[in-house]
């Protein structure tokens, strides 16, 4: 409704202006239209997912050189977007983006012509041009903030802080506005004319390439820092899990083997005393009990070794471990767990990875999803093993940045990549979340071949390979630019 409230009056007003002034529109507007449409296809990524459009100084020049109506018409028709041609945004969003740019240029042009003229000296043009740039900025950011706030259920002030955070954004916006002012002045000179566009755009295009390279380095550095934090958190978590496993093994040795060995020790002492008394028949009977205790001890040791080789999850295996875990955490949570875990012979390291990923996903759902139902499935699908976690909770925007200091999703992704697998997340606000983890069967077979069956320690495939990105997400205003799009 908001988009329509912006689009319909804008198109109606531009249609009226076009019909009324068709005969008096200068032909050179077509030149500006083509140049702006081409330049708009080359946005440069900026801070926090924002995009800097090289078309902004051209739009500023058009707003200064021509009346508000024709300038807005050029802005509406020339504000092309690569996502339009890739089908990534729907027609209504496309029209809204073009309309809000046109309205911003309309207001900027009206402001400049009310305060100054393109025939003034450059020094006198700069103050009204700066005021016009601020007006353009306010309308552009304001309309997009309302639209993005409605889409992602955020208040406009929060969105504005996301879109315009950092001094670099403000400085670049004003700087490009000044470039547009100089371009308009050069264009009005009879000896320069259209060549002014070439003179101004050439260094801008070169600066764009340098800017993209520096931005890529900055993002890589930030990603490395985030990855270091994730790996540190993952290392701490795995150390805690290893300690838990050692406690379980110690408990097994204490509760089972220690008791049998203690009984065996008593039986040996009894046999020695009977032998001293010369009661041979009783000694034979006691020796038989000692043999049985020794056999029981050997059987339990073999069972422990077999369980450790077969699965780090113990004798219960993956399915029963997941069932026991979900029963325990779901007892007081009010969440209904639906399990569909096939009986698949997984290599020990992969079984442990699947369990820990599922546990992390369930804990995330308990803490953040506000779900009433959670589904857990482990199955063999074509040429891979698939773990699927789904809930009917509040969902979230996968393109928005995660809460600072929360690495649950990144740790799950790291675990999957350690095992040679991949992790995909599908979610949107109000529609729950589905997490799918896939491990290729070919890698699982390699893990099984290098595991206990070969007499060596089980190894995790791909553990010595470089891991992928933990997946840093973009903010809700990822479509914004210096002329910001929703």
Protein backbone atom coordinates (compact mmCIF):
# COMPACT_ATOMS: atom_id res chain seq x y z
CA UNK A 1 0.00 0.00 0.00
CA UNK A 2 2.82 2.39 0.81
CA UNK A 3 4.58 1.59 -2.46
CA UNK A 4 1.40 2.22 -4.41
CA UNK A 5 0.87 5.48 -2.51
CA UNK A 6 4.28 6.62 -3.81
CA UNK A 7 4.21 5.09 -7.29
CA UNK A 8 0.74 6.09 -8.51
CA UNK A 9 0.96 9.88 -7.83
CA UNK A 10 4.54 9.99 -9.15
CA UNK A 11 3.69 8.29 -12.46
CA UNK A 12 0.54 10.40 -12.81
CA UNK A 13 2.48 13.62 -12.19
CA UNK A 14 5.30 12.70 -14.58
CA UNK A 15 2.77 11.75 -17.25
CA UNK A 16 1.09 15.13 -16.85
CA UNK A 17 4.44 16.96 -17.09
CA UNK A 18 5.45 14.98 -20.17
CA UNK A 19 2.19 15.63 -22.02
CA UNK A 20 2.17 19.29 -21.11
CA UNK A 21 5.81 20.04 -22.00
CA UNK A 22 6.43 17.47 -24.75
CA UNK A 23 7.06 20.04 -27.46
CA UNK A 24 9.43 22.11 -25.36
CA UNK A 25 11.55 19.28 -23.90
CA UNK A 26 15.18 19.70 -25.06
CA UNK A 27 16.54 16.83 -27.15
CA UNK A 28 19.70 16.69 -25.02
CA UNK A 29 17.61 15.18 -22.20
CA UNK A 30 17.74 11.94 -24.18
CA UNK A 31 21.55 12.05 -23.99
CA UNK A 32 21.42 12.44 -20.21
CA UNK A 33 18.84 9.65 -19.98
CA UNK A 34 21.02 7.15 -21.85
CA UNK A 35 24.18 8.03 -19.93
CA UNK A 36 22.45 7.80 -16.55
CA UNK A 37 20.80 4.47 -17.43
CA UNK A 38 24.19 3.00 -18.40
CA UNK A 39 26.04 4.39 -15.39
CA UNK A 40 23.36 3.13 -12.99
CA UNK A 41 24.31 -0.41 -14.02
CA UNK A 42 27.71 0.07 -12.32
CA UNK A 43 27.02 0.60 -8.60
CA UNK A 44 29.90 0.30 -6.16
CA UNK A 45 29.41 -1.57 -2.85
CA UNK A 46 29.89 0.69 0.14
CA UNK A 47 29.79 0.40 3.91
CA UNK A 48 27.45 -2.11 5.54
CA UNK A 49 25.91 -3.38 2.29
CA UNK A 50 25.08 0.12 1.00
CA UNK A 51 25.74 0.84 -2.68
CA UNK A 52 27.23 4.05 -4.08
CA UNK A 53 25.68 4.92 -7.42
CA UNK A 54 27.84 6.80 -9.91
CA UNK A 55 24.61 8.10 -11.40
CA UNK A 56 24.02 10.41 -8.45
CA UNK A 57 26.32 13.25 -9.63
CA UNK A 58 24.66 13.01 -13.07
CA UNK A 59 21.22 13.27 -11.47
CA UNK A 60 22.43 16.25 -9.46
CA UNK A 61 23.66 17.95 -12.64
CA UNK A 62 20.31 17.30 -14.34
CA UNK A 63 18.45 18.73 -11.31
CA UNK A 64 20.56 21.91 -11.55
CA UNK A 65 20.43 22.33 -15.35
CA UNK A 66 16.75 21.65 -15.96
CA UNK A 67 13.36 22.40 -14.45
CA UNK A 68 12.06 20.05 -11.72
CA UNK A 69 9.53 18.25 -13.97
CA UNK A 70 11.93 17.24 -16.81
CA UNK A 71 14.69 16.43 -14.27
CA UNK A 72 12.35 14.08 -12.38
CA UNK A 73 11.30 12.44 -15.68
CA UNK A 74 14.95 11.72 -16.57
CA UNK A 75 15.54 10.34 -13.06
CA UNK A 76 12.51 8.03 -13.28
CA UNK A 77 13.38 6.63 -16.71
CA UNK A 78 17.15 6.52 -16.19
CA UNK A 79 17.26 4.90 -12.72
CA UNK A 80 17.95 1.42 -14.01
CA UNK A 81 18.90 -1.41 -11.67
CA UNK A 82 20.80 -4.60 -12.59
CA UNK A 83 18.42 -6.56 -10.36
CA UNK A 84 15.52 -5.61 -12.63
CA UNK A 85 17.05 -7.55 -15.53
CA UNK A 86 17.93 -10.53 -13.31
CA UNK A 87 14.36 -10.76 -12.01
CA UNK A 88 15.49 -10.26 -8.39
CA UNK A 89 12.91 -7.54 -7.62
CA UNK A 90 9.25 -7.45 -8.58
CA UNK A 91 7.68 -4.77 -10.81
CA UNK A 92 6.14 -2.86 -7.89
CA UNK A 93 9.52 -2.65 -6.12
CA UNK A 94 11.10 -1.52 -9.40
CA UNK A 95 8.53 1.26 -9.85
CA UNK A 96 8.90 2.28 -6.20
CA UNK A 97 12.69 2.56 -6.54
CA UNK A 98 12.38 4.70 -9.65
CA UNK A 99 9.60 6.82 -8.12
CA UNK A 100 11.45 7.64 -4.91
CA UNK A 101 14.55 8.64 -6.90
CA UNK A 102 12.39 10.82 -9.16
CA UNK A 103 10.72 12.49 -6.16
CA UNK A 104 14.11 13.17 -4.55
CA UNK A 105 15.45 14.74 -7.76
CA UNK A 106 12.21 16.73 -8.19
CA UNK A 107 12.55 18.21 -4.70
CA UNK A 108 16.29 18.85 -5.12
CA UNK A 109 15.75 20.61 -8.43
CA UNK A 110 12.94 22.76 -7.01
CA UNK A 111 15.12 23.65 -4.00
CA UNK A 112 18.11 24.64 -6.12
CA UNK A 113 16.14 26.77 -8.55
CA UNK A 114 14.40 28.51 -5.64
CA UNK A 115 17.78 29.48 -4.16
CA UNK A 116 20.06 29.88 -7.16
CA UNK A 117 20.60 29.42 -10.90
CA UNK A 118 22.83 27.37 -13.18
CA UNK A 119 24.00 30.69 -14.71
CA UNK A 120 25.52 31.85 -11.40
CA UNK A 121 29.27 31.57 -10.78
CA UNK A 122 30.36 28.23 -9.34
CA UNK A 123 31.05 29.76 -5.91
CA UNK A 124 27.46 31.01 -5.69
CA UNK A 125 26.07 27.70 -7.00
CA UNK A 126 27.64 25.57 -4.29
CA UNK A 127 25.51 26.69 -1.26
CA UNK A 128 22.11 26.10 -2.94
CA UNK A 129 23.47 22.88 -4.46
CA UNK A 130 24.44 21.62 -0.98
CA UNK A 131 20.97 22.47 0.33
CA UNK A 132 19.45 20.62 -2.64
CA UNK A 133 21.70 17.61 -1.90
CA UNK A 134 20.47 17.54 1.71
CA UNK A 135 16.85 17.67 0.51
CA UNK A 136 17.52 14.86 -1.97
CA UNK A 137 19.16 12.83 0.80
CA UNK A 138 16.29 13.39 3.25
CA UNK A 139 13.57 12.34 0.81
CA UNK A 140 15.57 9.42 -0.58
CA UNK A 141 16.49 8.00 2.83
CA UNK A 142 13.10 8.78 4.35
CA UNK A 143 11.05 6.95 1.71
CA UNK A 144 13.36 3.94 1.69
CA UNK A 145 13.46 3.81 5.50
CA UNK A 146 9.66 3.63 5.66
CA UNK A 147 9.53 0.95 2.96
CA UNK A 148 12.29 -1.20 4.49
CA UNK A 149 10.79 -0.71 7.95
CA UNK A 150 7.45 -2.05 6.73
CA UNK A 151 9.11 -5.02 5.00
CA UNK A 152 11.31 -6.05 7.94
CA UNK A 153 9.06 -4.77 10.74
CA UNK A 154 11.58 -2.21 11.96
CA UNK A 155 11.05 1.38 13.02
CA UNK A 156 12.20 4.00 10.45
CA UNK A 157 14.83 5.49 12.84
CA UNK A 158 16.48 2.06 13.15
CA UNK A 159 16.53 1.66 9.37
CA UNK A 160 17.92 5.18 8.88
CA UNK A 161 20.77 4.39 11.26
CA UNK A 162 21.49 1.24 9.26
CA UNK A 163 21.36 3.06 5.92
CA UNK A 164 23.40 6.13 6.83
CA UNK A 165 25.74 4.90 9.55
CA UNK A 166 29.28 6.18 9.42
CA UNK A 167 30.73 9.54 8.40
CA UNK A 168 31.92 8.02 5.15
CA UNK A 169 28.36 7.75 3.87
CA UNK A 170 27.51 11.40 4.53
CA UNK A 171 30.84 12.64 3.17
CA UNK A 172 30.53 10.55 0.00
CA UNK A 173 26.93 11.72 -0.53
CA UNK A 174 27.87 15.41 -0.24
CA UNK A 175 31.07 14.87 -2.23
CA UNK A 176 29.21 13.35 -5.16
CA UNK A 177 26.71 16.21 -4.95
CA UNK A 178 29.57 18.70 -5.34
CA UNK A 179 30.88 16.69 -8.30
CA UNK A 180 27.44 17.00 -9.86
CA UNK A 181 27.47 20.74 -9.28
CA UNK A 182 30.85 21.13 -11.00
CA UNK A 183 29.60 18.91 -13.83
CA UNK A 184 26.54 21.12 -14.32
CA UNK A 185 28.74 24.24 -14.45
CA UNK A 186 31.13 22.69 -16.95
CA UNK A 187 28.23 21.51 -19.09
CA UNK A 188 26.80 25.05 -19.23
CA UNK A 189 30.07 26.37 -20.69
CA UNK A 190 29.79 26.64 -24.49
CA UNK A 191 33.32 25.35 -25.13
CA UNK A 192 32.82 22.20 -23.00
CA UNK A 193 29.21 21.00 -23.25
CA UNK A 194 28.80 17.23 -23.47
CA UNK A 195 32.53 16.61 -23.06
CA UNK A 196 32.17 17.57 -19.40
CA UNK A 197 30.38 14.26 -18.76
CA UNK A 198 33.31 12.30 -20.17
CA UNK A 199 35.84 14.37 -18.22
CA UNK A 200 33.99 13.84 -14.93
CA UNK A 201 33.02 10.20 -15.39
CA UNK A 202 36.47 8.92 -16.42
CA UNK A 203 38.13 9.55 -13.02
CA UNK A 204 34.96 8.42 -11.26
CA UNK A 205 35.09 5.06 -13.01
CA UNK A 206 38.76 4.68 -12.13
CA UNK A 207 38.02 5.64 -8.51
CA UNK A 208 35.22 3.07 -8.50
CA UNK A 209 37.66 0.27 -9.31
CA UNK A 210 40.05 1.39 -6.58
CA UNK A 211 37.17 1.75 -4.16
CA UNK A 212 35.91 -1.77 -4.86
CA UNK A 213 39.39 -3.21 -4.30
CA UNK A 214 39.87 -1.36 -1.01
CA UNK A 215 36.37 -2.34 0.09
CA UNK A 216 37.07 -5.98 -0.73
CA UNK A 217 40.20 -5.87 1.43
CA UNK A 218 38.27 -4.27 4.29
CA UNK A 219 35.53 -6.91 4.08
CA UNK A 220 38.11 -9.70 3.93
CA UNK A 221 39.79 -8.34 7.05
CA UNK A 222 36.45 -8.11 8.86
CA UNK A 223 35.53 -11.63 7.77
CA UNK A 224 38.85 -12.95 9.10
CA UNK A 225 38.21 -11.30 12.45
CA UNK A 226 34.70 -12.75 12.63
CA UNK A 227 36.01 -16.14 11.57
CA UNK A 228 38.65 -16.03 14.31
CA UNK A 229 35.93 -15.33 16.88
CA UNK A 230 33.78 -18.18 15.53
CA UNK A 231 36.67 -20.64 15.53
CA UNK A 232 37.61 -19.61 19.07
CA UNK A 233 34.04 -20.15 20.24
CA UNK A 234 33.87 -23.45 18.35
CA UNK A 235 37.17 -24.59 19.88
CA UNK A 236 35.90 -23.80 23.38
CA UNK A 237 32.65 -25.64 22.71
CA UNK A 238 34.44 -28.69 21.32
CA UNK A 239 36.75 -28.72 24.35
CA UNK A 240 33.70 -28.75 26.62
CA UNK A 241 32.16 -31.56 24.56
CA UNK A 242 35.40 -33.56 24.77
CA UNK A 243 35.40 -33.09 28.55
CA UNK A 244 31.81 -34.37 28.69
CA UNK A 245 32.79 -37.44 26.67
CA UNK A 246 35.72 -38.13 28.99
CA UNK A 247 33.38 -37.89 31.97
CA UNK A 248 31.02 -40.39 30.34
CA UNK A 249 33.89 -42.84 29.74
CA UNK A 250 35.12 -42.34 33.31
CA UNK A 251 31.62 -43.00 34.61
CA UNK A 252 31.43 -46.20 32.56
CA UNK A 253 34.78 -47.40 33.92
CA UNK A 254 33.81 -46.54 37.49
CA UNK A 255 30.28 -47.93 37.49
CA UNK A 256 30.90 -51.11 35.49
CA UNK A 257 34.55 -52.16 35.26
CA UNK A 258 35.67 -50.94 38.68
CA UNK A 259 32.97 -52.99 40.42
CA UNK A 260 33.84 -56.15 38.52
CA UNK A 261 37.55 -55.72 39.23
CA UNK A 262 36.81 -55.14 42.92
CA UNK A 263 34.77 -58.34 43.03
CA UNK A 264 37.58 -60.15 41.25
CA UNK A 265 40.07 -58.94 43.86
CA UNK A 266 37.88 -60.24 46.70
CA UNK A 267 37.50 -63.61 44.96
CA UNK A 268 41.31 -63.92 44.64
CA UNK A 269 41.73 -63.22 48.37
CA UNK A 270 39.09 -65.82 49.25
CA UNK A 271 40.75 -68.42 46.99
CA UNK A 272 44.13 -67.77 48.63
CA UNK A 273 42.69 -68.34 52.12
CA UNK A 274 40.89 -71.51 51.00
CA UNK A 275 44.13 -72.79 49.50
CA UNK A 276 45.95 -72.17 52.79
CA UNK A 277 43.28 -74.23 54.55
CA UNK A 278 43.72 -77.03 52.02
CA UNK A 279 40.04 -77.00 50.95
CA UNK A 280 40.71 -77.95 47.33
CA UNK A 281 37.07 -78.36 46.29
CA UNK A 282 36.22 -74.88 47.50
CA UNK A 283 39.32 -73.52 45.76
CA UNK A 284 38.18 -75.08 42.46
CA UNK A 285 34.75 -73.49 42.86
CA UNK A 286 36.29 -70.11 43.67
CA UNK A 287 38.66 -70.32 40.69
CA UNK A 288 35.64 -70.91 38.44
CA UNK A 289 34.06 -67.72 39.82
CA UNK A 290 37.34 -65.87 39.20
CA UNK A 291 37.34 -67.12 35.60
CA UNK A 292 33.75 -65.90 35.15
CA UNK A 293 34.62 -62.48 36.60
CA UNK A 294 37.65 -62.27 34.34
CA UNK A 295 35.49 -63.13 31.32
CA UNK A 296 32.89 -60.55 32.32
CA UNK A 297 35.66 -57.93 32.61
CA UNK A 298 37.01 -58.83 29.17
CA UNK A 299 33.53 -58.67 27.65
CA UNK A 300 32.86 -55.24 29.09
CA UNK A 301 36.22 -53.90 27.92
CA UNK A 302 35.52 -55.22 24.41
CA UNK A 303 32.06 -53.64 24.51
CA UNK A 304 33.54 -50.29 25.51
CA UNK A 305 36.15 -50.44 22.72
CA UNK A 306 33.49 -51.49 20.22
CA UNK A 307 31.20 -48.61 21.23
CA UNK A 308 34.03 -46.10 20.98
CA UNK A 309 34.93 -47.40 17.51
CA UNK A 310 31.38 -47.67 16.27
CA UNK A 311 30.11 -44.28 17.40
CA UNK A 312 31.27 -41.46 19.67
CA UNK A 313 27.66 -41.34 20.82
CA UNK A 314 28.02 -44.67 22.62
CA UNK A 315 25.96 -47.80 22.29
CA UNK A 316 22.73 -45.87 21.76
CA UNK A 317 23.79 -44.44 18.39
CA UNK A 318 22.64 -41.24 16.66
CA UNK A 319 18.86 -41.87 16.63
CA UNK A 320 18.56 -42.73 20.31
CA UNK A 321 20.96 -39.95 21.31
CA UNK A 322 18.85 -37.36 19.45
CA UNK A 323 15.70 -38.81 20.97
CA UNK A 324 17.15 -38.69 24.49
CA UNK A 325 18.45 -35.15 23.98
CA UNK A 326 15.19 -33.74 22.59
CA UNK A 327 13.17 -35.49 25.32
CA UNK A 328 15.38 -33.87 27.94
CA UNK A 329 15.36 -30.31 26.55
CA UNK A 330 11.72 -30.47 25.51
CA UNK A 331 10.44 -31.64 28.89
CA UNK A 332 9.96 -28.13 30.28
CA UNK A 333 9.96 -26.09 27.06
CA UNK A 334 6.47 -26.85 25.76
CA UNK A 335 7.89 -27.62 22.31
CA UNK A 336 6.79 -30.73 20.43
CA UNK A 337 9.70 -32.51 18.72
CA UNK A 338 9.05 -34.60 15.60
CA UNK A 339 11.90 -36.99 14.78
CA UNK A 340 12.49 -38.91 11.59
CA UNK A 341 16.02 -40.34 11.89
CA UNK A 342 16.82 -43.22 9.58
CA UNK A 343 19.10 -46.03 10.73
CA UNK A 344 22.16 -45.10 8.66
CA UNK A 345 25.63 -46.52 9.29
CA UNK A 346 27.56 -43.26 9.58
CA UNK A 347 31.32 -42.98 10.22
CA UNK A 348 31.99 -42.05 13.83
CA UNK A 349 33.20 -38.46 13.19
CA UNK A 350 30.23 -37.67 10.92
CA UNK A 351 27.73 -39.11 13.42
CA UNK A 352 29.19 -36.87 16.10
CA UNK A 353 29.12 -33.81 13.80
CA UNK A 354 25.47 -34.47 12.89
CA UNK A 355 24.54 -34.79 16.56
CA UNK A 356 26.31 -31.59 17.57
CA UNK A 357 24.87 -29.61 14.63
CA UNK A 358 21.38 -30.86 15.48
CA UNK A 359 21.90 -30.00 19.15
CA UNK A 360 23.09 -26.47 18.29
CA UNK A 361 20.11 -25.97 15.96
CA UNK A 362 17.65 -27.15 18.60
CA UNK A 363 19.18 -24.86 21.23
CA UNK A 364 18.97 -21.91 18.82
CA UNK A 365 15.28 -22.69 18.24
CA UNK A 366 14.65 -22.88 21.99
CA UNK A 367 16.36 -19.55 22.64
CA UNK A 368 15.23 -17.44 19.69
CA UNK A 369 12.52 -19.04 17.51
CA UNK A 370 9.52 -18.99 19.91
CA UNK A 371 8.42 -22.17 18.13
CA UNK A 372 5.81 -24.72 19.20
CA UNK A 373 7.03 -27.52 16.90
CA UNK A 374 10.51 -28.58 15.81
CA UNK A 375 11.22 -31.24 13.18
CA UNK A 376 14.46 -33.24 13.03
CA UNK A 377 15.18 -35.56 10.10
CA UNK A 378 18.28 -37.52 9.11
CA UNK A 379 18.00 -39.41 5.84
CA UNK A 380 19.90 -40.59 2.81
CA UNK A 381 18.94 -38.51 -0.24
CA UNK A 382 20.46 -39.47 -3.59
CA UNK A 383 24.24 -39.08 -3.23
CA UNK A 384 24.40 -37.44 0.20
CA UNK A 385 23.31 -37.70 3.83
CA UNK A 386 20.92 -34.92 4.80
CA UNK A 387 20.13 -33.43 8.21
CA UNK A 388 17.08 -31.16 8.21
CA UNK A 389 16.03 -28.99 11.15
CA UNK A 390 12.79 -27.03 10.84
CA UNK A 391 10.61 -25.01 13.19
CA UNK A 392 7.41 -22.98 12.98
CA UNK A 393 8.81 -20.04 14.93
CA UNK A 394 9.11 -16.34 14.23
CA UNK A 395 11.83 -16.76 11.60
CA UNK A 396 14.33 -14.06 10.72
CA UNK A 397 15.77 -12.11 7.80
CA UNK A 398 18.71 -14.15 6.49
CA UNK A 399 20.19 -11.03 4.84
CA UNK A 400 20.27 -9.06 8.09
CA UNK A 401 23.32 -9.14 10.37
CA UNK A 402 23.13 -11.59 13.26
CA UNK A 403 23.25 -10.44 16.88
CA UNK A 404 26.79 -9.47 17.85
CA UNK A 405 28.50 -12.16 19.89
CA UNK A 406 26.09 -14.91 18.79
CA UNK A 407 27.90 -17.53 16.73
CA UNK A 408 25.42 -20.43 16.83
CA UNK A 409 24.67 -20.45 13.10
CA UNK A 410 28.30 -19.82 12.16
CA UNK A 411 29.47 -22.67 14.41
CA UNK A 412 26.97 -25.02 12.78
CA UNK A 413 28.29 -24.01 9.37
CA UNK A 414 31.88 -24.57 10.52
CA UNK A 415 31.05 -28.06 11.81
CA UNK A 416 29.42 -28.96 8.50
CA UNK A 417 32.41 -27.73 6.52
CA UNK A 418 34.84 -29.60 8.80
CA UNK A 419 33.07 -32.80 7.72
CA UNK A 420 33.19 -31.83 4.04
CA UNK A 421 29.50 -30.86 3.99
CA UNK A 422 27.42 -27.74 3.44
CA UNK A 423 24.76 -25.85 5.39
CA UNK A 424 21.81 -23.92 3.91
CA UNK A 425 19.36 -21.71 5.82
CA UNK A 426 15.88 -20.75 4.63
CA UNK A 427 13.87 -18.32 6.73
CA UNK A 428 11.87 -15.15 6.66
CA UNK A 429 10.08 -13.19 9.39
CA UNK A 430 6.90 -14.94 10.50
CA UNK A 431 7.48 -18.12 8.47
CA UNK A 432 9.81 -20.26 10.58
CA UNK A 433 13.27 -21.54 9.75
CA UNK A 434 14.63 -24.58 7.89
CA UNK A 435 18.29 -25.59 8.18
CA UNK A 436 19.61 -28.25 5.80
CA UNK A 437 23.03 -29.88 6.20
CA UNK A 438 24.36 -32.22 3.52
CA UNK A 439 27.37 -34.57 3.63
CA UNK A 440 28.38 -36.22 0.31
CA UNK A 441 28.34 -40.03 0.44
CA UNK A 442 31.71 -40.18 -1.31
CA UNK A 443 33.36 -38.36 1.59
CA UNK A 444 31.55 -40.55 4.12
CA UNK A 445 32.91 -43.66 2.43
CA UNK A 446 36.42 -42.22 2.62
CA UNK A 447 35.90 -41.49 6.31
CA UNK A 448 34.76 -45.06 6.90
CA UNK A 449 37.75 -46.47 5.03
CA UNK A 450 40.21 -44.45 7.11
CA UNK A 451 38.45 -45.17 10.40
CA UNK A 452 38.61 -48.06 12.87
CA UNK A 453 38.20 -50.72 10.19
CA UNK A 454 41.68 -49.96 8.94
CA UNK A 455 43.18 -50.15 12.40
CA UNK A 456 43.91 -46.42 12.65
CA UNK A 457 42.23 -43.53 14.36
CA UNK A 458 39.11 -42.23 12.64
CA UNK A 459 39.74 -39.07 10.61
CA UNK A 460 37.34 -36.36 9.53
CA UNK A 461 37.39 -35.76 5.76
CA UNK A 462 38.40 -32.25 4.82
CA UNK A 463 39.60 -31.45 8.33
CA UNK A 464 42.92 -30.19 6.99
CA UNK A 465 41.32 -28.20 4.19
CA UNK A 466 40.55 -24.52 4.41
CA UNK A 467 37.06 -23.88 5.68
CA UNK A 468 34.49 -21.77 3.94
CA UNK A 469 33.07 -18.52 5.06
CA UNK A 470 30.95 -18.59 8.22
CA UNK A 471 28.52 -16.55 6.31
CA UNK A 472 28.49 -12.99 7.26
CA UNK A 473 25.01 -11.61 6.46
CA UNK A 474 24.15 -8.17 5.04
CA UNK A 475 21.96 -5.65 6.87
CA UNK A 476 18.32 -5.05 6.18
CA UNK A 477 19.16 -2.01 4.07
CA UNK A 478 21.23 -3.99 1.60
CA UNK A 479 19.47 -2.43 -1.35
CA UNK A 480 20.41 1.11 -0.38
CA UNK A 481 22.83 3.24 -2.31
CA UNK A 482 23.78 6.91 -2.58
CA UNK A 483 20.56 7.20 -4.44
CA UNK A 484 19.07 4.57 -2.19
CA UNK A 485 16.84 1.78 -3.49
CA UNK A 486 14.47 -0.33 -1.43
